[in-house]
Amino acid sequence: MAAKNSTQVIISGKIYTLSGYESEEYLQRVAAYLNSKISELRNLDGYQRLSPDMKGILLNLNIADDYFKMKNKVEELEQSLTEKDRDIYELRHELITSQIRVENAEKQIQTLEDRNAELQKEAIQLEAQIKSHR
């Protein structure tokens, strides 16, 4: 099991110690994301007049919104990947079927070429017999 990491981060101007099994870099990215969302909200008209509880709720709603949008995007990408996998499977199946048809056609061509060569030999022999009977 990975070791637990602790790192100090600054969120909204205050120092916090975050700990978890994720890397310190990841914990710093989480803090940076929170700071970005807080900064985004502070730029909204009327945000400063909201109570601390309302600011927290607004922050949570924005984070939840980001989460569900990303979750939907992941689901769409997974669906697209599944469809592409199915398309690749079908194309491979078509390719194998086509290769089998080509191999069969090549065998038929070889058989016909062999038969043609036999018939040409027979034709030459028959011509020779006809000439010898004249």
C-alpha atoms as a PDB file:
ATOM      1  CA  MET A   1       0.000   0.000   0.000  1.00  0.00           C
ATOM      2  CA  ALA A   2       1.280   3.482  -0.828  1.00  0.00           C
ATOM      3  CA  ALA A   3       2.491   5.755   1.902  1.00  0.00           C
ATOM      4  CA  LYS A   4       0.246   8.569   3.028  1.00  0.00           C
ATOM      5  CA  ASN A   5       1.448  11.977   1.835  1.00  0.00           C
ATOM      6  CA  SER A   6       0.994  15.307   3.579  1.00  0.00           C
ATOM      7  CA  THR A   7       1.563  18.692   2.049  1.00  0.00           C
ATOM      8  CA  GLN A   8       0.756  22.261   2.898  1.00  0.00           C
ATOM      9  CA  VAL A   9      -1.422  24.152   0.445  1.00  0.00           C
ATOM     10  CA  ILE A  10      -2.879  27.619   0.295  1.00  0.00           C
ATOM     11  CA  ILE A  11      -6.626  27.807  -0.286  1.00  0.00           C
ATOM     12  CA  SER A  12      -8.272  31.196  -0.388  1.00  0.00           C
ATOM     13  CA  GLY A  13      -5.245  32.776   1.292  1.00  0.00           C
ATOM     14  CA  LYS A  14      -5.110  30.329   4.204  1.00  0.00           C
ATOM     15  CA  ILE A  15      -2.594  27.535   4.763  1.00  0.00           C
ATOM     16  CA  TYR A  16      -4.015  24.024   5.116  1.00  0.00           C
ATOM     17  CA  THR A  17      -2.327  20.666   5.493  1.00  0.00           C
ATOM     18  CA  LEU A  18      -3.786  18.097   3.126  1.00  0.00           C
ATOM     19  CA  SER A  19      -2.960  14.436   3.452  1.00  0.00           C
ATOM     20  CA  GLY A  20      -3.855  11.418   1.440  1.00  0.00           C
ATOM     21  CA  TYR A  21      -2.455   8.519  -0.548  1.00  0.00           C
ATOM     22  CA  GLU A  22      -2.251  10.649  -3.681  1.00  0.00           C
ATOM     23  CA  SER A  23       0.973  12.415  -4.625  1.00  0.00           C
ATOM     24  CA  GLU A  24       1.826  15.842  -3.262  1.00  0.00           C
ATOM     25  CA  GLU A  25       1.553  17.165  -6.822  1.00  0.00           C
ATOM     26  CA  TYR A  26      -2.022  15.893  -7.012  1.00  0.00           C
ATOM     27  CA  LEU A  27      -2.932  17.497  -3.677  1.00  0.00           C
ATOM     28  CA  GLN A  28      -1.475  20.796  -4.924  1.00  0.00           C
ATOM     29  CA  ARG A  29      -3.564  20.506  -8.126  1.00  0.00           C
ATOM     30  CA  VAL A  30      -6.702  19.989  -6.013  1.00  0.00           C
ATOM     31  CA  ALA A  31      -5.904  23.128  -4.033  1.00  0.00           C
ATOM     32  CA  ALA A  32      -5.198  25.044  -7.265  1.00  0.00           C
ATOM     33  CA  TYR A  33      -8.560  23.915  -8.643  1.00  0.00           C
ATOM     34  CA  LEU A  34     -10.349  25.144  -5.503  1.00  0.00           C
ATOM     35  CA  ASN A  35      -8.531  28.478  -5.690  1.00  0.00           C
ATOM     36  CA  SER A  36      -9.524  28.801  -9.335  1.00  0.00           C
ATOM     37  CA  LYS A  37     -13.211  28.146  -8.531  1.00  0.00           C
ATOM     38  CA  ILE A  38     -13.138  30.585  -5.592  1.00  0.00           C
ATOM     39  CA  SER A  39     -11.519  33.242  -7.780  1.00  0.00           C
ATOM     40  CA  GLU A  40     -14.122  32.617 -10.477  1.00  0.00           C
ATOM     41  CA  LEU A  41     -16.948  33.086  -7.976  1.00  0.00           C
ATOM     42  CA  ARG A  42     -15.421  36.223  -6.455  1.00  0.00           C
ATOM     43  CA  ASN A  43     -15.671  37.856  -9.881  1.00  0.00           C
ATOM     44  CA  LEU A  44     -19.453  37.385  -9.960  1.00  0.00           C
ATOM     45  CA  ASP A  45     -21.628  40.385  -9.204  1.00  0.00           C
ATOM     46  CA  GLY A  46     -23.110  40.215  -5.710  1.00  0.00           C
ATOM     47  CA  TYR A  47     -20.870  37.381  -4.517  1.00  0.00           C
ATOM     48  CA  GLN A  48     -19.225  39.511  -1.818  1.00  0.00           C
ATOM     49  CA  ARG A  49     -22.650  40.312  -0.308  1.00  0.00           C
ATOM     50  CA  LEU A  50     -23.501  36.638   0.186  1.00  0.00           C
ATOM     51  CA  SER A  51     -23.256  35.027   3.604  1.00  0.00           C
ATOM     52  CA  PRO A  52     -20.365  32.596   4.168  1.00  0.00           C
ATOM     53  CA  ASP A  53     -22.857  29.703   4.072  1.00  0.00           C
ATOM     54  CA  MET A  54     -24.214  30.838   0.700  1.00  0.00           C
ATOM     55  CA  LYS A  55     -20.666  31.271  -0.646  1.00  0.00           C
ATOM     56  CA  GLY A  56     -19.875  27.709   0.443  1.00  0.00           C
ATOM     57  CA  ILE A  57     -23.055  26.387  -1.156  1.00  0.00           C
ATOM     58  CA  LEU A  58     -22.305  28.281  -4.376  1.00  0.00           C
ATOM     59  CA  LEU A  59     -18.770  26.857  -4.419  1.00  0.00           C
ATOM     60  CA  ASN A  60     -20.106  23.332  -3.810  1.00  0.00           C
ATOM     61  CA  LEU A  61     -22.702  23.746  -6.559  1.00  0.00           C
ATOM     62  CA  ASN A  62     -20.056  24.895  -9.033  1.00  0.00           C
ATOM     63  CA  ILE A  63     -17.767  22.001  -8.145  1.00  0.00           C
ATOM     64  CA  ALA A  64     -20.683  19.539  -8.418  1.00  0.00           C
ATOM     65  CA  ASP A  65     -21.587  21.082 -11.776  1.00  0.00           C
ATOM     66  CA  ASP A  66     -18.010  20.568 -13.020  1.00  0.00           C
ATOM     67  CA  TYR A  67     -18.068  17.007 -11.696  1.00  0.00           C
ATOM     68  CA  PHE A  68     -21.321  16.054 -13.450  1.00  0.00           C
ATOM     69  CA  LYS A  69     -20.261  17.713 -16.708  1.00  0.00           C
ATOM     70  CA  MET A  70     -16.982  15.779 -16.652  1.00  0.00           C
ATOM     71  CA  LYS A  71     -18.785  12.583 -15.669  1.00  0.00           C
ATOM     72  CA  ASN A  72     -21.155  13.000 -18.631  1.00  0.00           C
ATOM     73  CA  LYS A  73     -18.193  13.699 -20.910  1.00  0.00           C
ATOM     74  CA  VAL A  74     -16.456  10.538 -19.686  1.00  0.00           C
ATOM     75  CA  GLU A  75     -19.642   8.521 -20.270  1.00  0.00           C
ATOM     76  CA  GLU A  76     -19.942   9.963 -23.787  1.00  0.00           C
ATOM     77  CA  LEU A  77     -16.297   9.136 -24.511  1.00  0.00           C
ATOM     78  CA  GLU A  78     -16.736   5.610 -23.120  1.00  0.00           C
ATOM     79  CA  GLN A  79     -19.823   5.143 -25.303  1.00  0.00           C
ATOM     80  CA  SER A  80     -17.918   6.448 -28.311  1.00  0.00           C
ATOM     81  CA  LEU A  81     -15.027   4.111 -27.511  1.00  0.00           C
ATOM     82  CA  THR A  82     -17.419   1.164 -27.221  1.00  0.00           C
ATOM     83  CA  GLU A  83     -18.943   2.042 -30.603  1.00  0.00           C
ATOM     84  CA  LYS A  84     -15.504   2.399 -32.169  1.00  0.00           C
ATOM     85  CA  ASP A  85     -14.441  -0.957 -30.693  1.00  0.00           C
ATOM     86  CA  ARG A  86     -17.567  -2.543 -32.194  1.00  0.00           C
ATOM     87  CA  ASP A  87     -16.848  -0.883 -35.554  1.00  0.00           C
ATOM     88  CA  ILE A  88     -13.248  -2.144 -35.465  1.00  0.00           C
ATOM     89  CA  TYR A  89     -14.485  -5.658 -34.648  1.00  0.00           C
ATOM     90  CA  GLU A  90     -16.936  -5.551 -37.561  1.00  0.00           C
ATOM     91  CA  LEU A  91     -14.262  -4.184 -39.922  1.00  0.00           C
ATOM     92  CA  ARG A  92     -11.847  -6.936 -38.885  1.00  0.00           C
ATOM     93  CA  HIS A  93     -14.564  -9.502 -39.487  1.00  0.00           C
ATOM     94  CA  GLU A  94     -15.224  -8.015 -42.944  1.00  0.00           C
ATOM     95  CA  LEU A  95     -11.482  -7.993 -43.660  1.00  0.00           C
ATOM     96  CA  ILE A  96     -11.122 -11.668 -42.720  1.00  0.00           C
ATOM     97  CA  THR A  97     -14.173 -12.550 -44.810  1.00  0.00           C
ATOM     98  CA  SER A  98     -12.748 -10.607 -47.755  1.00  0.00           C
ATOM     99  CA  GLN A  99      -9.352 -12.280 -47.354  1.00  0.00           C
ATOM    100  CA  ILE A 100     -11.030 -15.702 -47.423  1.00  0.00           C
ATOM    101  CA  ARG A 101     -12.939 -14.707 -50.576  1.00  0.00           C
ATOM    102  CA  VAL A 102      -9.731 -13.499 -52.224  1.00  0.00           C
ATOM    103  CA  GLU A 103      -7.929 -16.739 -51.309  1.00  0.00           C
ATOM    104  CA  ASN A 104     -10.827 -18.781 -52.704  1.00  0.00           C
ATOM    105  CA  ALA A 105     -10.890 -16.667 -55.867  1.00  0.00           C
ATOM    106  CA  GLU A 106      -7.112 -17.115 -56.260  1.00  0.00           C
ATOM    107  CA  LYS A 107      -7.546 -20.903 -55.918  1.00  0.00           C
ATOM    108  CA  GLN A 108     -10.319 -20.847 -58.523  1.00  0.00           C
ATOM    109  CA  ILE A 109      -8.135 -18.765 -60.842  1.00  0.00           C
ATOM    110  CA  GLN A 110      -5.259 -21.226 -60.411  1.00  0.00           C
ATOM    111  CA  THR A 111      -7.606 -24.149 -61.067  1.00  0.00           C
ATOM    112  CA  LEU A 112      -8.964 -22.437 -64.188  1.00  0.00           C
ATOM    113  CA  GLU A 113      -5.449 -21.563 -65.374  1.00  0.00           C
ATOM    114  CA  ASP A 114      -4.377 -25.179 -64.865  1.00  0.00           C
ATOM    115  CA  ARG A 115      -7.475 -26.385 -66.760  1.00  0.00           C
ATOM    116  CA  ASN A 116      -6.822 -23.827 -69.496  1.00  0.00           C
ATOM    117  CA  ALA A 117      -3.243 -25.083 -69.843  1.00  0.00           C
ATOM    118  CA  GLU A 118      -4.544 -28.671 -70.100  1.00  0.00           C
ATOM    119  CA  LEU A 119      -7.102 -27.654 -72.717  1.00  0.00           C
ATOM    120  CA  GLN A 120      -4.453 -25.795 -74.711  1.00  0.00           C
ATOM    121  CA  LYS A 121      -2.256 -28.913 -74.665  1.00  0.00           C
ATOM    122  CA  GLU A 122      -5.235 -30.985 -75.791  1.00  0.00           C
ATOM    123  CA  ALA A 123      -5.966 -28.456 -78.521  1.00  0.00           C
ATOM    124  CA  ILE A 124      -2.365 -28.638 -79.749  1.00  0.00           C
ATOM    125  CA  GLN A 125      -2.505 -32.435 -79.676  1.00  0.00           C
ATOM    126  CA  LEU A 126      -5.808 -32.448 -81.557  1.00  0.00           C
ATOM    127  CA  GLU A 127      -4.430 -30.009 -84.157  1.00  0.00           C
ATOM    128  CA  ALA A 128      -1.380 -32.222 -84.530  1.00  0.00           C
ATOM    129  CA  GLN A 129      -3.622 -35.294 -84.989  1.00  0.00           C
ATOM    130  CA  ILE A 130      -5.759 -33.453 -87.530  1.00  0.00           C
ATOM    131  CA  LYS A 131      -2.653 -32.401 -89.481  1.00  0.00           C
ATOM    132  CA  SER A 132      -1.251 -35.909 -89.362  1.00  0.00           C
ATOM    133  CA  HIS A 133      -4.544 -37.346 -90.716  1.00  0.00           C
ATOM    134  CA  ARG A 134      -4.608 -35.071 -93.716  1.00  0.00           C
END
